[in-house]
C-alpha atoms as a PDB file:
ATOM      1  CA  UNK A   1     282.169-129.410  39.260  1.00  0.00           C
ATOM      2  CA  UNK A   2     281.284-128.079  35.925  1.00  0.00           C
ATOM      3  CA  UNK A   3     277.822-127.049  35.305  1.00  0.00           C
ATOM      4  CA  UNK A   4     275.566-129.232  32.971  1.00  0.00           C
ATOM      5  CA  UNK A   5     275.329-128.011  29.393  1.00  0.00           C
ATOM      6  CA  UNK A   6     271.241-127.696  28.604  1.00  0.00           C
ATOM      7  CA  UNK A   7     269.862-128.586  25.126  1.00  0.00           C
ATOM      8  CA  UNK A   8     267.882-126.083  23.734  1.00  0.00           C
ATOM      9  CA  UNK A   9     264.164-126.284  23.580  1.00  0.00           C
ATOM     10  CA  UNK A  10     262.474-126.791  20.594  1.00  0.00           C
ATOM     11  CA  UNK A  11     259.907-124.178  20.788  1.00  0.00           C
ATOM     12  CA  UNK A  12     256.124-125.007  18.925  1.00  0.00           C
ATOM     13  CA  UNK A  13     253.756-122.317  17.359  1.00  0.00           C
ATOM     14  CA  UNK A  14     251.870-122.936  20.831  1.00  0.00           C
ATOM     15  CA  UNK A  15     254.643-122.581  23.411  1.00  0.00           C
ATOM     16  CA  UNK A  16     256.373-119.427  21.560  1.00  0.00           C
ATOM     17  CA  UNK A  17     254.990-116.855  23.670  1.00  0.00           C
ATOM     18  CA  UNK A  18     256.609-118.451  26.289  1.00  0.00           C
ATOM     19  CA  UNK A  19     260.084-119.098  25.162  1.00  0.00           C
ATOM     20  CA  UNK A  20     260.054-115.376  23.926  1.00  0.00           C
ATOM     21  CA  UNK A  21     258.952-114.341  27.382  1.00  0.00           C
ATOM     22  CA  UNK A  22     262.105-116.492  28.522  1.00  0.00           C
ATOM     23  CA  UNK A  23     264.449-114.689  26.729  1.00  0.00           C
ATOM     24  CA  UNK A  24     263.234-111.486  28.202  1.00  0.00           C
ATOM     25  CA  UNK A  25     263.671-112.841  31.820  1.00  0.00           C
ATOM     26  CA  UNK A  26     259.589-113.312  32.550  1.00  0.00           C
ATOM     27  CA  UNK A  27     257.897-117.035  33.402  1.00  0.00           C
ATOM     28  CA  UNK A  28     254.581-117.509  32.123  1.00  0.00           C
ATOM     29  CA  UNK A  29     252.371-120.136  32.815  1.00  0.00           C
ATOM     30  CA  UNK A  30     248.907-121.037  31.000  1.00  0.00           C
ATOM     31  CA  UNK A  31     245.531-120.467  33.231  1.00  0.00           C
ATOM     32  CA  UNK A  32     242.122-121.422  32.200  1.00  0.00           C
ATOM     33  CA  UNK A  33     239.973-118.529  31.984  1.00  0.00           C
ATOM     34  CA  UNK A  34     236.824-120.923  32.986  1.00  0.00           C
ATOM     35  CA  UNK A  35     238.058-122.600  35.851  1.00  0.00           C
ATOM     36  CA  UNK A  36     240.500-120.069  36.857  1.00  0.00           C
ATOM     37  CA  UNK A  37     243.390-123.361  37.407  1.00  0.00           C
ATOM     38  CA  UNK A  38     246.867-122.723  35.867  1.00  0.00           C
ATOM     39  CA  UNK A  39     248.430-125.744  34.368  1.00  0.00           C
ATOM     40  CA  UNK A  40     252.019-127.044  33.292  1.00  0.00           C
ATOM     41  CA  UNK A  41     252.948-127.857  30.648  1.00  0.00           C
ATOM     42  CA  UNK A  42     251.529-124.936  28.933  1.00  0.00           C
ATOM     43  CA  UNK A  43     249.047-125.756  26.077  1.00  0.00           C
ATOM     44  CA  UNK A  44     246.129-124.175  24.828  1.00  0.00           C
ATOM     45  CA  UNK A  45     243.582-126.825  25.958  1.00  0.00           C
ATOM     46  CA  UNK A  46     242.609-126.636  29.624  1.00  0.00           C
ATOM     47  CA  UNK A  47     243.623-130.187  31.257  1.00  0.00           C
ATOM     48  CA  UNK A  48     241.074-129.925  33.846  1.00  0.00           C
ATOM     49  CA  UNK A  49     237.898-128.652  32.476  1.00  0.00           C
ATOM     50  CA  UNK A  50     238.804-128.964  28.731  1.00  0.00           C
ATOM     51  CA  UNK A  51     237.758-125.380  27.858  1.00  0.00           C
ATOM     52  CA  UNK A  52     239.863-123.780  25.325  1.00  0.00           C
ATOM     53  CA  UNK A  53     239.424-120.272  26.984  1.00  0.00           C
ATOM     54  CA  UNK A  54     243.187-120.190  28.448  1.00  0.00           C
ATOM     55  CA  UNK A  55     246.071-117.489  28.523  1.00  0.00           C
ATOM     56  CA  UNK A  56     249.379-116.750  29.753  1.00  0.00           C
ATOM     57  CA  UNK A  57     249.619-115.042  32.714  1.00  0.00           C
ATOM     58  CA  UNK A  58     253.263-114.187  34.225  1.00  0.00           C
ATOM     59  CA  UNK A  59     253.972-116.254  37.555  1.00  0.00           C
ATOM     60  CA  UNK A  60     255.960-115.838  40.586  1.00  0.00           C
ATOM     61  CA  UNK A  61     258.747-117.881  39.951  1.00  0.00           C
ATOM     62  CA  UNK A  62     258.427-119.303  43.109  1.00  0.00           C
ATOM     63  CA  UNK A  63     257.492-122.618  45.029  1.00  0.00           C
ATOM     64  CA  UNK A  64     258.715-125.597  46.870  1.00  0.00           C
ATOM     65  CA  UNK A  65     260.286-129.221  45.854  1.00  0.00           C
ATOM     66  CA  UNK A  66     258.034-131.967  45.896  1.00  0.00           C
ATOM     67  CA  UNK A  67     260.385-134.321  45.369  1.00  0.00           C
ATOM     68  CA  UNK A  68     264.345-134.987  43.573  1.00  0.00           C
ATOM     69  CA  UNK A  69     266.480-137.223  42.467  1.00  0.00           C
ATOM     70  CA  UNK A  70     270.275-136.626  41.935  1.00  0.00           C
ATOM     71  CA  UNK A  71     271.309-137.848  38.596  1.00  0.00           C
ATOM     72  CA  UNK A  72     275.443-138.963  39.752  1.00  0.00           C
ATOM     73  CA  UNK A  73     275.848-141.214  36.531  1.00  0.00           C
ATOM     74  CA  UNK A  74     275.324-138.155  34.393  1.00  0.00           C
ATOM     75  CA  UNK A  75     278.949-136.948  32.934  1.00  0.00           C
ATOM     76  CA  UNK A  76     277.864-133.422  34.687  1.00  0.00           C
ATOM     77  CA  UNK A  77     275.677-134.874  37.776  1.00  0.00           C
ATOM     78  CA  UNK A  78     272.453-132.804  38.197  1.00  0.00           C
ATOM     79  CA  UNK A  79     269.741-132.375  40.388  1.00  0.00           C
ATOM     80  CA  UNK A  80     266.111-133.479  39.118  1.00  0.00           C
ATOM     81  CA  UNK A  81     262.970-132.011  40.877  1.00  0.00           C
ATOM     82  CA  UNK A  82     259.415-131.668  40.682  1.00  0.00           C
ATOM     83  CA  UNK A  83     258.725-128.175  42.087  1.00  0.00           C
ATOM     84  CA  UNK A  84     255.238-127.043  43.197  1.00  0.00           C
ATOM     85  CA  UNK A  85     254.711-123.959  42.115  1.00  0.00           C
ATOM     86  CA  UNK A  86     252.883-121.321  44.248  1.00  0.00           C
ATOM     87  CA  UNK A  87     250.162-120.737  41.330  1.00  0.00           C
ATOM     88  CA  UNK A  88     249.698-124.455  41.814  1.00  0.00           C
ATOM     89  CA  UNK A  89     250.800-126.892  39.174  1.00  0.00           C
ATOM     90  CA  UNK A  90     253.873-129.535  39.496  1.00  0.00           C
ATOM     91  CA  UNK A  91     256.690-128.680  37.268  1.00  0.00           C
ATOM     92  CA  UNK A  92     259.776-130.907  36.136  1.00  0.00           C
ATOM     93  CA  UNK A  93     262.759-129.106  36.490  1.00  0.00           C
ATOM     94  CA  UNK A  94     266.364-128.688  37.542  1.00  0.00           C
ATOM     95  CA  UNK A  95     267.726-127.319  40.878  1.00  0.00           C
ATOM     96  CA  UNK A  96     270.799-125.657  40.631  1.00  0.00           C
ATOM     97  CA  UNK A  97     273.107-123.473  42.660  1.00  0.00           C
ATOM     98  CA  UNK A  98     272.989-125.771  45.532  1.00  0.00           C
ATOM     99  CA  UNK A  99     275.362-128.529  46.919  1.00  0.00           C
ATOM    100  CA  UNK A 100     273.289-132.032  46.399  1.00  0.00           C
ATOM    101  CA  UNK A 101     273.167-132.691  49.744  1.00  0.00           C
ATOM    102  CA  UNK A 102     271.527-129.265  50.794  1.00  0.00           C
ATOM    103  CA  UNK A 103     268.566-130.057  48.846  1.00  0.00           C
ATOM    104  CA  UNK A 104     265.242-131.208  50.319  1.00  0.00           C
ATOM    105  CA  UNK A 105     261.643-131.832  50.169  1.00  0.00           C
ATOM    106  CA  UNK A 106     259.442-128.890  50.919  1.00  0.00           C
ATOM    107  CA  UNK A 107     262.486-126.244  50.369  1.00  0.00           C
ATOM    108  CA  UNK A 108     261.547-123.070  49.075  1.00  0.00           C
ATOM    109  CA  UNK A 109     262.972-122.491  45.676  1.00  0.00           C
ATOM    110  CA  UNK A 110     262.853-119.452  43.212  1.00  0.00           C
ATOM    111  CA  UNK A 111     262.994-119.580  39.633  1.00  0.00           C
ATOM    112  CA  UNK A 112     266.380-118.622  37.661  1.00  0.00           C
ATOM    113  CA  UNK A 113     266.995-118.711  33.941  1.00  0.00           C
ATOM    114  CA  UNK A 114     269.679-120.883  32.696  1.00  0.00           C
ATOM    115  CA  UNK A 115     271.256-120.248  28.847  1.00  0.00           C
ATOM    116  CA  UNK A 116     270.668-123.583  26.502  1.00  0.00           C
ATOM    117  CA  UNK A 117     273.077-124.569  23.484  1.00  0.00           C
ATOM    118  CA  UNK A 118     271.814-122.463  20.722  1.00  0.00           C
ATOM    119  CA  UNK A 119     268.392-121.739  21.973  1.00  0.00           C
ATOM    120  CA  UNK A 120     266.187-119.769  24.490  1.00  0.00           C
ATOM    121  CA  UNK A 121     266.954-120.053  28.201  1.00  0.00           C
ATOM    122  CA  UNK A 122     265.144-122.861  30.331  1.00  0.00           C
ATOM    123  CA  UNK A 123     263.713-122.061  33.790  1.00  0.00           C
ATOM    124  CA  UNK A 124     265.155-124.322  36.691  1.00  0.00           C
ATOM    125  CA  UNK A 125     264.878-123.313  40.555  1.00  0.00           C
ATOM    126  CA  UNK A 126     267.602-122.535  43.083  1.00  0.00           C
ATOM    127  CA  UNK A 127     266.901-122.541  47.148  1.00  0.00           C
ATOM    128  CA  UNK A 128     266.008-119.697  48.256  1.00  0.00           C
ATOM    129  CA  UNK A 129     268.448-117.532  50.445  1.00  0.00           C
ATOM    130  CA  UNK A 130     267.119-117.552  53.975  1.00  0.00           C
END
């Protein structure tokens, strides 16, 4: 089965540090210095306490599948999922490197970057090998 081509994201001035880190193989999330909660999607304003006192921190790249769906009608079928990062936030992403029938809720996953069409690599997740 052919792997789906991922369209390139459009970095903004606010998200450029994230995409630059992705080019270097590093996964950053935004964390509030006031309430100490991590959040996804990265943005300067904390969605929990509305503080502007946020910073980029390197994340573990590990989590578990909260829910998923197989997009079988796509030209190249793929698995889309919400992954609960070990740092706390939920992230919508793709599950790769696994047969669809082997994907399961609560399954442990780890981050990998996939190249895009003419843009920075994007974070996706694969099952952790036992």
